Amino acid sequence: MKRRRSYEKPSEIRARKKGEAVRRARKVARKLAQREGLIAKTGRR
């Protein structure tokens, strides 16, 4: 995670938390789709 300053404005906190939630939701949806075989798994080399 990106290192944050000691003080964050409330609007920055809301924006960061919303972005993190979106990232988590996309990751869960991607893993579910991979398990169901809808998208191919990406292999890292």
N, C-alpha and C. Protein backbone atom coordinates (compact mmCIF):
# COMPACT_ATOMS: atom_id res chain seq x y z
N MET A 1 0.84 -1.18 0.00
CA MET A 1 0.00 0.00 0.00
C MET A 1 0.88 1.24 0.00
N LYS A 2 0.38 2.25 -0.62
CA LYS A 2 1.11 3.51 -0.69
C LYS A 2 1.23 4.10 0.72
N ARG A 3 2.41 4.58 1.04
CA ARG A 3 2.62 5.16 2.38
C ARG A 3 1.91 6.51 2.47
N ARG A 4 1.14 6.67 3.54
CA ARG A 4 0.36 7.90 3.71
C ARG A 4 1.07 8.88 4.64
N ARG A 5 0.70 10.15 4.49
CA ARG A 5 1.21 11.17 5.40
C ARG A 5 0.60 10.98 6.78
N SER A 6 1.16 11.67 7.78
CA SER A 6 0.64 11.53 9.14
C SER A 6 -0.78 12.08 9.25
N TYR A 7 -1.10 13.14 8.50
CA TYR A 7 -2.46 13.67 8.53
C TYR A 7 -3.07 13.60 7.14
N GLU A 8 -4.27 13.05 7.09
CA GLU A 8 -5.03 13.01 5.85
C GLU A 8 -6.31 13.80 6.03
N LYS A 9 -6.64 14.58 5.03
CA LYS A 9 -7.91 15.29 5.08
C LYS A 9 -9.05 14.27 5.02
N PRO A 10 -10.17 14.58 5.66
CA PRO A 10 -11.30 13.63 5.63
C PRO A 10 -11.72 13.23 4.21
N SER A 11 -11.66 14.18 3.27
CA SER A 11 -12.04 13.83 1.90
C SER A 11 -11.03 12.85 1.28
N GLU A 12 -9.75 12.99 1.63
CA GLU A 12 -8.73 12.05 1.13
C GLU A 12 -8.95 10.67 1.72
N ILE A 13 -9.31 10.62 3.00
CA ILE A 13 -9.56 9.33 3.65
C ILE A 13 -10.71 8.61 2.95
N ARG A 14 -11.81 9.37 2.71
CA ARG A 14 -12.97 8.76 2.03
C ARG A 14 -12.60 8.25 0.66
N ALA A 15 -11.84 9.04 -0.10
CA ALA A 15 -11.47 8.65 -1.46
C ALA A 15 -10.58 7.40 -1.43
N ARG A 16 -9.64 7.35 -0.49
CA ARG A 16 -8.74 6.20 -0.38
C ARG A 16 -9.51 4.94 0.01
N LYS A 17 -10.38 5.05 1.00
CA LYS A 17 -11.14 3.87 1.43
C LYS A 17 -12.06 3.37 0.33
N LYS A 18 -12.66 4.29 -0.43
CA LYS A 18 -13.54 3.89 -1.53
C LYS A 18 -12.73 3.17 -2.60
N GLY A 19 -11.54 3.71 -2.93
CA GLY A 19 -10.68 3.08 -3.92
C GLY A 19 -10.23 1.70 -3.49
N GLU A 20 -9.89 1.56 -2.19
CA GLU A 20 -9.47 0.25 -1.69
C GLU A 20 -10.62 -0.75 -1.76
N ALA A 21 -11.82 -0.30 -1.43
CA ALA A 21 -12.99 -1.18 -1.48
C ALA A 21 -13.27 -1.65 -2.90
N VAL A 22 -13.13 -0.73 -3.87
CA VAL A 22 -13.35 -1.08 -5.28
C VAL A 22 -12.32 -2.12 -5.72
N ARG A 23 -11.04 -1.90 -5.32
CA ARG A 23 -9.99 -2.86 -5.67
C ARG A 23 -10.26 -4.24 -5.10
N ARG A 24 -10.68 -4.28 -3.83
CA ARG A 24 -10.99 -5.58 -3.20
C ARG A 24 -12.14 -6.26 -3.91
N ALA A 25 -13.20 -5.51 -4.23
CA ALA A 25 -14.37 -6.10 -4.89
C ALA A 25 -14.00 -6.65 -6.26
N ARG A 26 -13.17 -5.90 -7.02
CA ARG A 26 -12.75 -6.39 -8.34
C ARG A 26 -11.92 -7.65 -8.21
N LYS A 27 -11.05 -7.70 -7.20
CA LYS A 27 -10.19 -8.87 -7.00
C LYS A 27 -11.05 -10.09 -6.69
N VAL A 28 -12.03 -9.94 -5.80
CA VAL A 28 -12.92 -11.05 -5.45
C VAL A 28 -13.70 -11.52 -6.68
N ALA A 29 -14.21 -10.56 -7.46
CA ALA A 29 -14.98 -10.92 -8.65
C ALA A 29 -14.10 -11.65 -9.67
N ARG A 30 -12.84 -11.20 -9.81
CA ARG A 30 -11.92 -11.84 -10.75
C ARG A 30 -11.61 -13.27 -10.31
N LYS A 31 -11.35 -13.46 -9.01
CA LYS A 31 -11.05 -14.81 -8.52
C LYS A 31 -12.25 -15.74 -8.68
N LEU A 32 -13.45 -15.21 -8.44
CA LEU A 32 -14.66 -16.02 -8.60
C LEU A 32 -14.84 -16.43 -10.06
N ALA A 33 -14.62 -15.47 -10.98
CA ALA A 33 -14.76 -15.77 -12.40
C ALA A 33 -13.73 -16.81 -12.84
N GLN A 34 -12.52 -16.73 -12.28
CA GLN A 34 -11.49 -17.71 -12.63
C GLN A 34 -11.89 -19.09 -12.13
N ARG A 35 -12.44 -19.15 -10.92
CA ARG A 35 -12.86 -20.44 -10.37
C ARG A 35 -13.98 -21.05 -11.21
N GLU A 36 -14.87 -20.20 -11.73
CA GLU A 36 -15.97 -20.69 -12.55
C GLU A 36 -15.55 -20.95 -13.99
N GLY A 37 -14.34 -20.56 -14.35
CA GLY A 37 -13.84 -20.81 -15.69
C GLY A 37 -14.27 -19.78 -16.72
N LEU A 38 -14.77 -18.65 -16.28
CA LEU A 38 -15.21 -17.62 -17.23
C LEU A 38 -14.03 -16.89 -17.84
N ILE A 39 -12.97 -16.71 -17.07
CA ILE A 39 -11.75 -16.09 -17.62
C ILE A 39 -10.57 -16.97 -17.30
N ALA A 40 -9.59 -16.94 -18.19
CA ALA A 40 -8.40 -17.79 -18.02
C ALA A 40 -7.53 -17.22 -16.90
N LYS A 41 -6.88 -18.11 -16.18
CA LYS A 41 -5.95 -17.66 -15.14
C LYS A 41 -4.71 -17.09 -15.79
N THR A 42 -4.20 -16.03 -15.21
CA THR A 42 -2.99 -15.42 -15.74
C THR A 42 -1.79 -16.02 -15.01
N GLY A 43 -0.84 -16.50 -15.77
CA GLY A 43 0.36 -17.08 -15.18
C GLY A 43 1.49 -16.09 -15.14
N ARG A 44 2.15 -16.03 -14.01
CA ARG A 44 3.30 -15.12 -13.89
C ARG A 44 4.58 -15.93 -14.05
N ARG A 45 5.54 -15.31 -14.72
CA ARG A 45 6.80 -16.03 -14.96
C ARG A 45 7.94 -15.33 -14.25
